Amino acid sequence: MPGDTTTRHVLVVGSANVDFTVAASRLPGVGETVTGGTLLVNHGGKGANQAVAARRLGAEVRFVGCVGDDASGRDIRAALRAEGIGVDGVMVTAGAATGTALIMVDGEGRNQIAVAPGANWRLSVEHVRARADDFAWAQVVMCQLETPLETLSQALAEAKRRGLVTVLNPAPVREGISDDVWRLVDYLTPNQGEAERLSGVAMRDAGSAAAAGRALRDRGVGTVIVTLGAQGSLACTARDDIRVPAFAVTAVDTTAAGDAFNGALGAALASRDPLQDALRFASAAAAIACTRRGAQPSLPTRAEVGRLLDSS
């Protein structure tokens, strides 16, 4: 677990959404209606989720994103501020509504998600350039693929220019990412499906995950961490492969488990923890998130992760 006395500065450049989640007995098929579910409305978006995760796990966090000039946008900014996250970098646009996600979760915790990006796609290169003070403050810069690719590229390039650690969660998978972008990424964190789509390697087991990781490293990525759900995670580095098992829990809702993993990883990397320790810390955070409904409500605190680590 990252040392308690270390200063950890994490800058997240990414998305913020309002989530509408229906928990039902099963996921619907095409053209089918499944009734009897319950509704949960809360805040999400991969960027905002990862910012909240890192903050609850002990990092100082600033967030750069874009929301609409609407009630949802105002609520998101207020909620992030209440978490202790710096929101001066959250721009407001009148040209699009705040991003919205529609989520279905079945009785085994599996989900289906559809997103209307809205204001997230208005996050501009110029706005990121204007946040020079945030980049000067940061130790780790974290991004995802829910904002424009040119904005992502600008954020990663600025981070690398300053010698910062960069983390890219390549979700959802997007087409058109050049090798110039991959070379800006110190840590890439795809799940199984994302690793398969990005590498072209069919994912069957840990061996194929390692092959996918090597293929992505060949494109210029520093370290590839493939998250494998209940099978844990596999990090492919320049020196060797590191396998970390998952923590056994009963999953209620896997929404934001990947964001918990990434936020924890960012906090641990900012502490300069050994990668194996950082992966174990991230796996514990993700496991706890799976035991709770919703996105940000599921994200654990540092004390909760510490108790799970101590009990294992």
C-alpha atoms as a PDB file:
ATOM      1  CA  MET A   1       0.000   0.000   0.000  1.00  0.00           C
ATOM      2  CA  PRO A   2       1.414   3.426  -0.906  1.00  0.00           C
ATOM      3  CA  GLY A   3       3.217   5.221   1.907  1.00  0.00           C
ATOM      4  CA  ASP A   4       1.041   7.562   3.952  1.00  0.00           C
ATOM      5  CA  THR A   5       3.587  10.400   4.054  1.00  0.00           C
ATOM      6  CA  THR A   6       4.155  10.673   0.308  1.00  0.00           C
ATOM      7  CA  THR A   7       2.732  13.590  -1.646  1.00  0.00           C
ATOM      8  CA  ARG A   8       0.820  12.278  -4.650  1.00  0.00           C
ATOM      9  CA  HIS A   9      -0.238  14.748  -7.365  1.00  0.00           C
ATOM     10  CA  VAL A  10      -2.522  13.218 -10.008  1.00  0.00           C
ATOM     11  CA  LEU A  11      -3.968  15.208 -12.907  1.00  0.00           C
ATOM     12  CA  VAL A  12      -6.884  13.563 -14.732  1.00  0.00           C
ATOM     13  CA  VAL A  13      -7.833  14.820 -18.189  1.00  0.00           C
ATOM     14  CA  GLY A  14     -11.072  13.181 -19.253  1.00  0.00           C
ATOM     15  CA  SER A  15     -14.819  12.723 -19.216  1.00  0.00           C
ATOM     16  CA  ALA A  16     -17.600  13.441 -16.743  1.00  0.00           C
ATOM     17  CA  ASN A  17     -21.144  12.082 -17.077  1.00  0.00           C
ATOM     18  CA  VAL A  18     -24.391  11.667 -15.253  1.00  0.00           C
ATOM     19  CA  ASP A  19     -25.247   7.930 -15.019  1.00  0.00           C
ATOM     20  CA  PHE A  20     -28.697   6.337 -15.110  1.00  0.00           C
ATOM     21  CA  THR A  21     -28.293   2.745 -13.924  1.00  0.00           C
ATOM     22  CA  VAL A  22     -31.014   0.091 -13.933  1.00  0.00           C
ATOM     23  CA  ALA A  23     -30.337  -3.096 -11.981  1.00  0.00           C
ATOM     24  CA  ALA A  24     -32.399  -5.965 -13.379  1.00  0.00           C
ATOM     25  CA  SER A  25     -32.434  -9.748 -13.092  1.00  0.00           C
ATOM     26  CA  ARG A  26     -30.842 -10.085 -16.532  1.00  0.00           C
ATOM     27  CA  LEU A  27     -29.697  -8.020 -19.490  1.00  0.00           C
ATOM     28  CA  PRO A  28     -32.272  -7.604 -22.288  1.00  0.00           C
ATOM     29  CA  GLY A  29     -31.861  -9.115 -25.721  1.00  0.00           C
ATOM     30  CA  VAL A  30     -32.338  -7.168 -28.946  1.00  0.00           C
ATOM     31  CA  GLY A  31     -35.831  -5.657 -29.007  1.00  0.00           C
ATOM     32  CA  GLU A  32     -36.651  -7.033 -25.558  1.00  0.00           C
ATOM     33  CA  THR A  33     -37.928  -5.181 -22.475  1.00  0.00           C
ATOM     34  CA  VAL A  34     -36.931  -6.485 -19.041  1.00  0.00           C
ATOM     35  CA  THR A  35     -39.061  -5.118 -16.196  1.00  0.00           C
ATOM     36  CA  GLY A  36     -38.790  -5.182 -12.428  1.00  0.00           C
ATOM     37  CA  GLY A  37     -35.495  -3.307 -12.156  1.00  0.00           C
ATOM     38  CA  THR A  38     -34.458  -0.523  -9.803  1.00  0.00           C
ATOM     39  CA  LEU A  39     -33.013   2.865 -10.843  1.00  0.00           C
ATOM     40  CA  LEU A  40     -29.891   4.578  -9.485  1.00  0.00           C
ATOM     41  CA  VAL A  41     -28.892   8.052 -10.714  1.00  0.00           C
ATOM     42  CA  ASN A  42     -25.387   9.248  -9.903  1.00  0.00           C
ATOM     43  CA  HIS A  43     -22.221  10.728 -11.384  1.00  0.00           C
ATOM     44  CA  GLY A  44     -19.805   8.880 -13.625  1.00  0.00           C
ATOM     45  CA  GLY A  45     -17.634   9.194 -16.701  1.00  0.00           C
ATOM     46  CA  LYS A  46     -14.323   7.382 -16.799  1.00  0.00           C
ATOM     47  CA  GLY A  47     -12.291  10.520 -16.185  1.00  0.00           C
ATOM     48  CA  ALA A  48     -14.327  11.751 -13.226  1.00  0.00           C
ATOM     49  CA  ASN A  49     -14.530   8.231 -11.778  1.00  0.00           C
ATOM     50  CA  GLN A  50     -10.765   7.836 -11.915  1.00  0.00           C
ATOM     51  CA  ALA A  51     -10.288  11.262 -10.352  1.00  0.00           C
ATOM     52  CA  VAL A  52     -12.605  10.368  -7.465  1.00  0.00           C
ATOM     53  CA  ALA A  53     -10.927   6.975  -7.037  1.00  0.00           C
ATOM     54  CA  ALA A  54      -7.454   8.498  -6.837  1.00  0.00           C
ATOM     55  CA  ARG A  55      -8.644  11.165  -4.407  1.00  0.00           C
ATOM     56  CA  ARG A  56     -10.323   8.693  -2.047  1.00  0.00           C
ATOM     57  CA  LEU A  57      -7.139   6.613  -2.129  1.00  0.00           C
ATOM     58  CA  GLY A  58      -4.980   9.424  -0.844  1.00  0.00           C
ATOM     59  CA  ALA A  59      -3.834  11.423  -3.868  1.00  0.00           C
ATOM     60  CA  GLU A  60      -4.218  15.134  -4.379  1.00  0.00           C
ATOM     61  CA  VAL A  61      -6.188  15.406  -7.619  1.00  0.00           C
ATOM     62  CA  ARG A  62      -7.038  18.002 -10.217  1.00  0.00           C
ATOM     63  CA  PHE A  63      -9.515  17.371 -13.023  1.00  0.00           C
ATOM     64  CA  VAL A  64      -9.616  18.845 -16.528  1.00  0.00           C
ATOM     65  CA  GLY A  65     -12.832  18.177 -18.433  1.00  0.00           C
ATOM     66  CA  CYS A  66     -15.949  19.746 -19.938  1.00  0.00           C
ATOM     67  CA  VAL A  67     -19.574  19.745 -18.805  1.00  0.00           C
ATOM     68  CA  GLY A  68     -22.707  21.381 -20.143  1.00  0.00           C
ATOM     69  CA  ASP A  69     -24.189  24.627 -18.885  1.00  0.00           C
ATOM     70  CA  ASP A  70     -26.975  22.702 -17.175  1.00  0.00           C
ATOM     71  CA  ALA A  71     -28.032  21.302 -13.820  1.00  0.00           C
ATOM     72  CA  SER A  72     -26.125  18.049 -14.348  1.00  0.00           C
ATOM     73  CA  GLY A  73     -22.923  19.922 -15.120  1.00  0.00           C
ATOM     74  CA  ARG A  74     -23.277  22.117 -12.049  1.00  0.00           C
ATOM     75  CA  ASP A  75     -23.968  19.070  -9.877  1.00  0.00           C
ATOM     76  CA  ILE A  76     -20.890  17.250 -11.212  1.00  0.00           C
ATOM     77  CA  ARG A  77     -18.602  20.206 -10.523  1.00  0.00           C
ATOM     78  CA  ALA A  78     -20.017  20.546  -7.006  1.00  0.00           C
ATOM     79  CA  ALA A  79     -19.633  16.832  -6.285  1.00  0.00           C
ATOM     80  CA  LEU A  80     -16.021  16.769  -7.475  1.00  0.00           C
ATOM     81  CA  ARG A  81     -15.251  19.851  -5.393  1.00  0.00           C
ATOM     82  CA  ALA A  82     -16.853  18.167  -2.360  1.00  0.00           C
ATOM     83  CA  GLU A  83     -14.481  15.224  -2.833  1.00  0.00           C
ATOM     84  CA  GLY A  84     -11.568  17.658  -2.539  1.00  0.00           C
ATOM     85  CA  ILE A  85     -10.732  17.589  -6.260  1.00  0.00           C
ATOM     86  CA  GLY A  86      -9.541  20.740  -7.999  1.00  0.00           C
ATOM     87  CA  VAL A  87     -12.151  21.732 -10.603  1.00  0.00           C
ATOM     88  CA  ASP A  88     -10.766  25.011 -11.951  1.00  0.00           C
ATOM     89  CA  GLY A  89      -9.915  23.052 -15.111  1.00  0.00           C
ATOM     90  CA  VAL A  90     -13.509  21.923 -15.717  1.00  0.00           C
ATOM     91  CA  MET A  91     -14.795  24.083 -18.569  1.00  0.00           C
ATOM     92  CA  VAL A  92     -18.493  24.737 -19.171  1.00  0.00           C
ATOM     93  CA  THR A  93     -20.036  24.829 -22.638  1.00  0.00           C
ATOM     94  CA  ALA A  94     -23.443  26.061 -23.738  1.00  0.00           C
ATOM     95  CA  GLY A  95     -23.033  24.123 -26.976  1.00  0.00           C
ATOM     96  CA  ALA A  96     -23.766  20.632 -25.657  1.00  0.00           C
ATOM     97  CA  ALA A  97     -25.455  18.908 -22.744  1.00  0.00           C
ATOM     98  CA  THR A  98     -23.453  17.216 -20.012  1.00  0.00           C
ATOM     99  CA  GLY A  99     -22.479  13.670 -21.005  1.00  0.00           C
ATOM    100  CA  THR A 100     -24.993  10.972 -20.128  1.00  0.00           C
ATOM    101  CA  ALA A 101     -24.598   7.198 -19.677  1.00  0.00           C
ATOM    102  CA  LEU A 102     -27.382   4.606 -19.699  1.00  0.00           C
ATOM    103  CA  ILE A 103     -26.320   1.465 -17.823  1.00  0.00           C
ATOM    104  CA  MET A 104     -27.950  -1.937 -17.392  1.00  0.00           C
ATOM    105  CA  VAL A 105     -26.656  -4.317 -14.708  1.00  0.00           C
ATOM    106  CA  ASP A 106     -27.755  -7.945 -14.297  1.00  0.00           C
ATOM    107  CA  GLY A 107     -27.940 -10.159 -11.217  1.00  0.00           C
ATOM    108  CA  GLU A 108     -24.325 -11.271 -11.641  1.00  0.00           C
ATOM    109  CA  GLY A 109     -22.966  -7.737 -11.817  1.00  0.00           C
ATOM    110  CA  ARG A 110     -22.378  -7.717 -15.592  1.00  0.00           C
ATOM    111  CA  ASN A 111     -23.279  -4.538 -17.434  1.00  0.00           C
ATOM    112  CA  GLN A 112     -24.160  -2.961 -20.765  1.00  0.00           C
ATOM    113  CA  ILE A 113     -23.450   0.754 -21.222  1.00  0.00           C
ATOM    114  CA  ALA A 114     -24.447   3.302 -23.857  1.00  0.00           C
ATOM    115  CA  VAL A 115     -23.067   6.840 -23.670  1.00  0.00           C
ATOM    116  CA  ALA A 116     -24.105  10.162 -25.191  1.00  0.00           C
ATOM    117  CA  PRO A 117     -20.769  12.039 -24.858  1.00  0.00           C
ATOM    118  CA  GLY A 118     -22.249  15.519 -25.171  1.00  0.00           C
ATOM    119  CA  ALA A 119     -19.952  18.133 -23.645  1.00  0.00           C
ATOM    120  CA  ASN A 120     -17.068  15.665 -23.267  1.00  0.00           C
ATOM    121  CA  TRP A 121     -16.411  15.982 -27.009  1.00  0.00           C
ATOM    122  CA  ARG A 122     -16.135  19.768 -26.603  1.00  0.00           C
ATOM    123  CA  LEU A 123     -12.992  19.495 -24.440  1.00  0.00           C
ATOM    124  CA  SER A 124     -10.584  21.427 -26.632  1.00  0.00           C
ATOM    125  CA  VAL A 125      -6.853  21.419 -27.300  1.00  0.00           C
ATOM    126  CA  GLU A 126      -6.812  25.118 -26.439  1.00  0.00           C
ATOM    127  CA  HIS A 127      -8.350  24.469 -23.029  1.00  0.00           C
ATOM    128  CA  VAL A 128      -5.756  21.811 -22.217  1.00  0.00           C
ATOM    129  CA  ARG A 129      -2.975  24.162 -23.319  1.00  0.00           C
ATOM    130  CA  ALA A 130      -4.372  26.797 -20.970  1.00  0.00           C
ATOM    131  CA  ARG A 131      -3.973  24.450 -17.973  1.00  0.00           C
ATOM    132  CA  ALA A 132      -0.171  24.731 -17.881  1.00  0.00           C
ATOM    133  CA  ASP A 133      -0.203  25.281 -14.112  1.00  0.00           C
ATOM    134  CA  ASP A 134      -1.981  21.931 -13.605  1.00  0.00           C
ATOM    135  CA  PHE A 135       0.665  20.099 -15.635  1.00  0.00           C
ATOM    136  CA  ALA A 136       3.451  21.894 -13.743  1.00  0.00           C
ATOM    137  CA  TRP A 137       1.852  20.691 -10.478  1.00  0.00           C
ATOM    138  CA  ALA A 138       1.268  17.062 -11.504  1.00  0.00           C
ATOM    139  CA  GLN A 139       3.389  13.945 -11.092  1.00  0.00           C
ATOM    140  CA  VAL A 140       1.050  11.581 -12.961  1.00  0.00           C
ATOM    141  CA  VAL A 141      -1.310  12.455 -15.826  1.00  0.00           C
ATOM    142  CA  MET A 142      -4.197  10.081 -16.533  1.00  0.00           C
ATOM    143  CA  CYS A 143      -6.370  10.004 -19.678  1.00  0.00           C
ATOM    144  CA  GLN A 144      -9.050   7.838 -21.312  1.00  0.00           C
ATOM    145  CA  LEU A 145     -10.710   7.752 -24.742  1.00  0.00           C
ATOM    146  CA  GLU A 146     -13.976   9.596 -24.017  1.00  0.00           C
ATOM    147  CA  THR A 147     -12.678  12.994 -25.212  1.00  0.00           C
ATOM    148  CA  PRO A 148     -11.398  14.131 -28.646  1.00  0.00           C
ATOM    149  CA  LEU A 149      -8.251  12.340 -29.805  1.00  0.00           C
ATOM    150  CA  GLU A 150      -6.462  15.593 -30.592  1.00  0.00           C
ATOM    151  CA  THR A 151      -7.108  16.764 -27.018  1.00  0.00           C
ATOM    152  CA  LEU A 152      -5.831  13.459 -25.653  1.00  0.00           C
ATOM    153  CA  SER A 153      -2.689  13.757 -27.763  1.00  0.00           C
ATOM    154  CA  GLN A 154      -2.082  17.306 -26.514  1.00  0.00           C
ATOM    155  CA  ALA A 155      -2.441  16.246 -22.872  1.00  0.00           C
ATOM    156  CA  LEU A 156      -0.066  13.296 -23.236  1.00  0.00           C
ATOM    157  CA  ALA A 157       2.472  15.317 -25.204  1.00  0.00           C
ATOM    158  CA  GLU A 158       2.476  18.102 -22.605  1.00  0.00           C
ATOM    159  CA  ALA A 159       2.920  15.558 -19.823  1.00  0.00           C
ATOM    160  CA  LYS A 160       5.844  13.873 -21.559  1.00  0.00           C
ATOM    161  CA  ARG A 161       7.443  17.247 -22.340  1.00  0.00           C
ATOM    162  CA  ARG A 162       7.491  17.882 -18.607  1.00  0.00           C
ATOM    163  CA  GLY A 163       8.794  14.408 -17.730  1.00  0.00           C
ATOM    164  CA  LEU A 164       5.574  13.266 -16.035  1.00  0.00           C
ATOM    165  CA  VAL A 165       4.271   9.704 -15.788  1.00  0.00           C
ATOM    166  CA  THR A 166       1.424   9.075 -18.243  1.00  0.00           C
ATOM    167  CA  VAL A 167      -1.398   6.543 -17.898  1.00  0.00           C
ATOM    168  CA  LEU A 168      -3.918   5.867 -20.679  1.00  0.00           C
ATOM    169  CA  ASN A 169      -6.997   3.754 -20.076  1.00  0.00           C
ATOM    170  CA  PRO A 170      -7.950   2.937 -23.714  1.00  0.00           C
ATOM    171  CA  ALA A 171     -11.684   2.818 -23.135  1.00  0.00           C
ATOM    172  CA  PRO A 172     -13.836   2.840 -25.058  1.00  0.00           C
ATOM    173  CA  VAL A 173     -11.617   1.626 -27.907  1.00  0.00           C
ATOM    174  CA  ARG A 174     -11.369   4.230 -30.686  1.00  0.00           C
ATOM    175  CA  GLU A 175     -10.081   3.980 -34.219  1.00  0.00           C
ATOM    176  CA  GLY A 176      -7.410   6.245 -35.644  1.00  0.00           C
ATOM    177  CA  ILE A 177      -4.906   6.340 -32.777  1.00  0.00           C
ATOM    178  CA  SER A 178      -1.430   6.745 -34.251  1.00  0.00           C
ATOM    179  CA  ASP A 179       1.821   5.235 -33.036  1.00  0.00           C
ATOM    180  CA  ASP A 180       2.879   8.793 -32.182  1.00  0.00           C
ATOM    181  CA  VAL A 181       0.259   8.710 -29.428  1.00  0.00           C
ATOM    182  CA  TRP A 182       1.195   5.231 -28.188  1.00  0.00           C
ATOM    183  CA  ARG A 183       4.788   6.403 -27.751  1.00  0.00           C
ATOM    184  CA  LEU A 184       3.556   9.023 -25.283  1.00  0.00           C
ATOM    185  CA  VAL A 185       2.045   6.378 -22.970  1.00  0.00           C
ATOM    186  CA  ASP A 186       4.047   5.018 -20.041  1.00  0.00           C
ATOM    187  CA  TYR A 187       1.252   2.743 -18.779  1.00  0.00           C
ATOM    188  CA  LEU A 188      -1.584   1.433 -20.974  1.00  0.00           C
ATOM    189  CA  THR A 189      -4.422  -0.313 -19.102  1.00  0.00           C
ATOM    190  CA  PRO A 190      -6.770  -2.204 -21.457  1.00  0.00           C
ATOM    191  CA  ASN A 191      -9.190  -4.871 -20.288  1.00  0.00           C
ATOM    192  CA  GLN A 192      -9.338  -8.190 -22.149  1.00  0.00           C
ATOM    193  CA  GLY A 193     -11.667  -7.013 -24.892  1.00  0.00           C
ATOM    194  CA  GLU A 194      -9.792  -3.770 -25.406  1.00  0.00           C
ATOM    195  CA  ALA A 195      -6.439  -5.564 -25.516  1.00  0.00           C
ATOM    196  CA  GLU A 196      -7.774  -7.937 -28.163  1.00  0.00           C
ATOM    197  CA  ARG A 197      -9.171  -5.155 -30.347  1.00  0.00           C
ATOM    198  CA  LEU A 198      -6.077  -2.994 -30.072  1.00  0.00           C
ATOM    199  CA  SER A 199      -3.515  -5.769 -30.596  1.00  0.00           C
ATOM    200  CA  GLY A 200      -5.374  -8.188 -32.885  1.00  0.00           C
ATOM    201  CA  VAL A 201      -4.419 -11.061 -30.536  1.00  0.00           C
ATOM    202  CA  ALA A 202      -7.323 -13.362 -29.579  1.00  0.00           C
ATOM    203  CA  MET A 203      -7.627 -13.376 -25.787  1.00  0.00           C
ATOM    204  CA  ARG A 204      -7.880 -16.876 -24.345  1.00  0.00           C
ATOM    205  CA  ASP A 205      -5.573 -17.034 -21.325  1.00  0.00           C
ATOM    206  CA  ALA A 206      -2.633 -15.367 -19.583  1.00  0.00           C
ATOM    207  CA  GLY A 207      -0.350 -16.382 -22.442  1.00  0.00           C
ATOM    208  CA  SER A 208      -2.438 -14.580 -25.021  1.00  0.00           C
ATOM    209  CA  ALA A 209      -2.725 -11.569 -22.692  1.00  0.00           C
ATOM    210  CA  ALA A 210       1.069 -11.457 -22.576  1.00  0.00           C
ATOM    211  CA  ALA A 211       1.230 -11.694 -26.373  1.00  0.00           C
ATOM    212  CA  ALA A 212      -1.252  -8.820 -26.672  1.00  0.00           C
ATOM    213  CA  GLY A 213       0.814  -6.800 -24.233  1.00  0.00           C
ATOM    214  CA  ARG A 214       3.990  -7.393 -26.213  1.00  0.00           C
ATOM    215  CA  ALA A 215       2.250  -6.414 -29.454  1.00  0.00           C
ATOM    216  CA  LEU A 216       1.151  -3.124 -27.915  1.00  0.00           C
ATOM    217  CA  ARG A 217       4.612  -2.498 -26.480  1.00  0.00           C
ATOM    218  CA  ASP A 218       5.967  -2.952 -29.998  1.00  0.00           C
ATOM    219  CA  ARG A 219       3.855   0.064 -30.999  1.00  0.00           C
ATOM    220  CA  GLY A 220       5.724   2.227 -28.508  1.00  0.00           C
ATOM    221  CA  VAL A 221       3.878   1.854 -25.181  1.00  0.00           C
ATOM    222  CA  GLY A 222       6.152   1.631 -22.130  1.00  0.00           C
ATOM    223  CA  THR A 223       4.233  -0.900 -19.981  1.00  0.00           C
ATOM    224  CA  VAL A 224       0.961  -2.634 -20.851  1.00  0.00           C
ATOM    225  CA  ILE A 225      -1.282  -3.752 -17.984  1.00  0.00           C
ATOM    226  CA  VAL A 226      -4.081  -6.065 -19.133  1.00  0.00           C
ATOM    227  CA  THR A 227      -6.878  -6.317 -16.574  1.00  0.00           C
ATOM    228  CA  LEU A 228      -8.392  -9.798 -16.572  1.00  0.00           C
ATOM    229  CA  GLY A 229     -11.396  -9.479 -14.264  1.00  0.00           C
ATOM    230  CA  ALA A 230     -11.572 -12.356 -11.809  1.00  0.00           C
ATOM    231  CA  GLN A 231      -8.200 -13.584 -13.125  1.00  0.00           C
ATOM    232  CA  GLY A 232      -6.408 -10.464 -11.897  1.00  0.00           C
ATOM    233  CA  SER A 233      -4.013  -8.457 -14.062  1.00  0.00           C
ATOM    234  CA  LEU A 234      -0.888  -8.973 -16.149  1.00  0.00           C
ATOM    235  CA  ALA A 235       1.735  -6.268 -16.664  1.00  0.00           C
ATOM    236  CA  CYS A 236       4.078  -6.558 -19.630  1.00  0.00           C
ATOM    237  CA  THR A 237       7.178  -4.441 -19.024  1.00  0.00           C
ATOM    238  CA  ALA A 238      10.481  -4.017 -20.836  1.00  0.00           C
ATOM    239  CA  ARG A 239      12.090  -6.457 -18.372  1.00  0.00           C
ATOM    240  CA  ASP A 240       9.484  -9.132 -17.612  1.00  0.00           C
ATOM    241  CA  ASP A 241       5.814  -9.960 -17.092  1.00  0.00           C
ATOM    242  CA  ILE A 242       4.180  -9.413 -13.692  1.00  0.00           C
ATOM    243  CA  ARG A 243       1.045 -11.386 -12.806  1.00  0.00           C
ATOM    244  CA  VAL A 244      -1.134 -10.257  -9.878  1.00  0.00           C
ATOM    245  CA  PRO A 245      -4.213 -12.278  -8.846  1.00  0.00           C
ATOM    246  CA  ALA A 246      -7.603 -10.728  -8.178  1.00  0.00           C
ATOM    247  CA  PHE A 247      -9.189 -10.593  -4.737  1.00  0.00           C
ATOM    248  CA  ALA A 248     -12.116 -12.997  -4.387  1.00  0.00           C
ATOM    249  CA  VAL A 249     -15.381 -11.088  -3.864  1.00  0.00           C
ATOM    250  CA  THR A 250     -19.050 -11.521  -4.721  1.00  0.00           C
ATOM    251  CA  ALA A 251     -19.691  -9.073  -7.551  1.00  0.00           C
ATOM    252  CA  VAL A 252     -22.842  -6.942  -7.380  1.00  0.00           C
ATOM    253  CA  ASP A 253     -22.002  -4.405 -10.109  1.00  0.00           C
ATOM    254  CA  THR A 254     -18.768  -4.215 -12.110  1.00  0.00           C
ATOM    255  CA  THR A 255     -19.452  -0.633 -13.269  1.00  0.00           C
ATOM    256  CA  ALA A 256     -16.382   1.530 -12.484  1.00  0.00           C
ATOM    257  CA  ALA A 257     -14.253  -1.415 -11.310  1.00  0.00           C
ATOM    258  CA  GLY A 258     -11.787  -0.548 -14.068  1.00  0.00           C
ATOM    259  CA  ASP A 259     -11.878   3.089 -12.999  1.00  0.00           C
ATOM    260  CA  ALA A 260     -11.142   2.075  -9.407  1.00  0.00           C
ATOM    261  CA  PHE A 261      -8.164   0.080 -10.707  1.00  0.00           C
ATOM    262  CA  ASN A 262      -6.866   2.998 -12.766  1.00  0.00           C
ATOM    263  CA  GLY A 263      -7.364   5.598 -10.053  1.00  0.00           C
ATOM    264  CA  ALA A 264      -5.538   3.399  -7.554  1.00  0.00           C
ATOM    265  CA  LEU A 265      -2.752   2.753 -10.043  1.00  0.00           C
ATOM    266  CA  GLY A 266      -2.319   6.481 -10.617  1.00  0.00           C
ATOM    267  CA  ALA A 267      -2.138   7.175  -6.891  1.00  0.00           C
ATOM    268  CA  ALA A 268       0.392   4.391  -6.377  1.00  0.00           C
ATOM    269  CA  LEU A 269       2.553   5.474  -9.318  1.00  0.00           C
ATOM    270  CA  ALA A 270       2.614   9.006  -7.932  1.00  0.00           C
ATOM    271  CA  SER A 271       4.001   7.460  -4.736  1.00  0.00           C
ATOM    272  CA  ARG A 272       6.695   5.759  -6.832  1.00  0.00           C
ATOM    273  CA  ASP A 273       5.613   2.360  -5.479  1.00  0.00           C
ATOM    274  CA  PRO A 274       7.093  -0.773  -7.087  1.00  0.00           C
ATOM    275  CA  LEU A 275       4.812  -1.900  -9.914  1.00  0.00           C
ATOM    276  CA  GLN A 276       3.892  -5.196  -8.225  1.00  0.00           C
ATOM    277  CA  ASP A 277       2.728  -3.326  -5.105  1.00  0.00           C
ATOM    278  CA  ALA A 278       0.862  -0.780  -7.232  1.00  0.00           C
ATOM    279  CA  LEU A 279      -0.962  -3.567  -9.075  1.00  0.00           C
ATOM    280  CA  ARG A 280      -1.975  -5.277  -5.845  1.00  0.00           C
ATOM    281  CA  PHE A 281      -3.259  -1.973  -4.465  1.00  0.00           C
ATOM    282  CA  ALA A 282      -5.233  -1.376  -7.677  1.00  0.00           C
ATOM    283  CA  SER A 283      -6.651  -4.906  -7.663  1.00  0.00           C
ATOM    284  CA  ALA A 284      -7.921  -4.452  -4.109  1.00  0.00           C
ATOM    285  CA  ALA A 285      -9.627  -1.177  -5.020  1.00  0.00           C
ATOM    286  CA  ALA A 286     -11.287  -2.774  -8.054  1.00  0.00           C
ATOM    287  CA  ALA A 287     -12.481  -5.752  -5.998  1.00  0.00           C
ATOM    288  CA  ILE A 288     -14.198  -3.532  -3.454  1.00  0.00           C
ATOM    289  CA  ALA A 289     -15.861  -1.494  -6.212  1.00  0.00           C
ATOM    290  CA  CYS A 290     -17.421  -4.694  -7.602  1.00  0.00           C
ATOM    291  CA  THR A 291     -19.280  -5.289  -4.335  1.00  0.00           C
ATOM    292  CA  ARG A 292     -21.320  -2.069  -4.576  1.00  0.00           C
ATOM    293  CA  ARG A 293     -23.826  -0.583  -6.979  1.00  0.00           C
ATOM    294  CA  GLY A 294     -23.124   2.457  -9.104  1.00  0.00           C
ATOM    295  CA  ALA A 295     -19.994   4.174 -10.366  1.00  0.00           C
ATOM    296  CA  GLN A 296     -18.645   6.784  -7.954  1.00  0.00           C
ATOM    297  CA  PRO A 297     -20.638   5.470  -4.961  1.00  0.00           C
ATOM    298  CA  SER A 298     -18.772   2.166  -5.336  1.00  0.00           C
ATOM    299  CA  LEU A 299     -15.263   3.644  -5.191  1.00  0.00           C
ATOM    300  CA  PRO A 300     -13.471   2.727  -1.954  1.00  0.00           C
ATOM    301  CA  THR A 301     -11.490   4.788   0.504  1.00  0.00           C
ATOM    302  CA  ARG A 302      -7.846   4.267   1.354  1.00  0.00           C
ATOM    303  CA  ALA A 303      -8.777   2.766   4.725  1.00  0.00           C
ATOM    304  CA  GLU A 304     -11.080   0.207   3.098  1.00  0.00           C
ATOM    305  CA  VAL A 305      -8.396  -0.883   0.656  1.00  0.00           C
ATOM    306  CA  GLY A 306      -5.898  -1.110   3.510  1.00  0.00           C
ATOM    307  CA  ARG A 307      -8.186  -3.432   5.458  1.00  0.00           C
ATOM    308  CA  LEU A 308      -8.596  -5.746   2.464  1.00  0.00           C
ATOM    309  CA  LEU A 309      -4.857  -5.832   1.865  1.00  0.00           C
ATOM    310  CA  ASP A 310      -4.164  -6.517   5.523  1.00  0.00           C
ATOM    311  CA  SER A 311      -6.666  -9.386   5.594  1.00  0.00           C
ATOM    312  CA  SER A 312      -5.205 -11.150   2.563  1.00  0.00           C
END
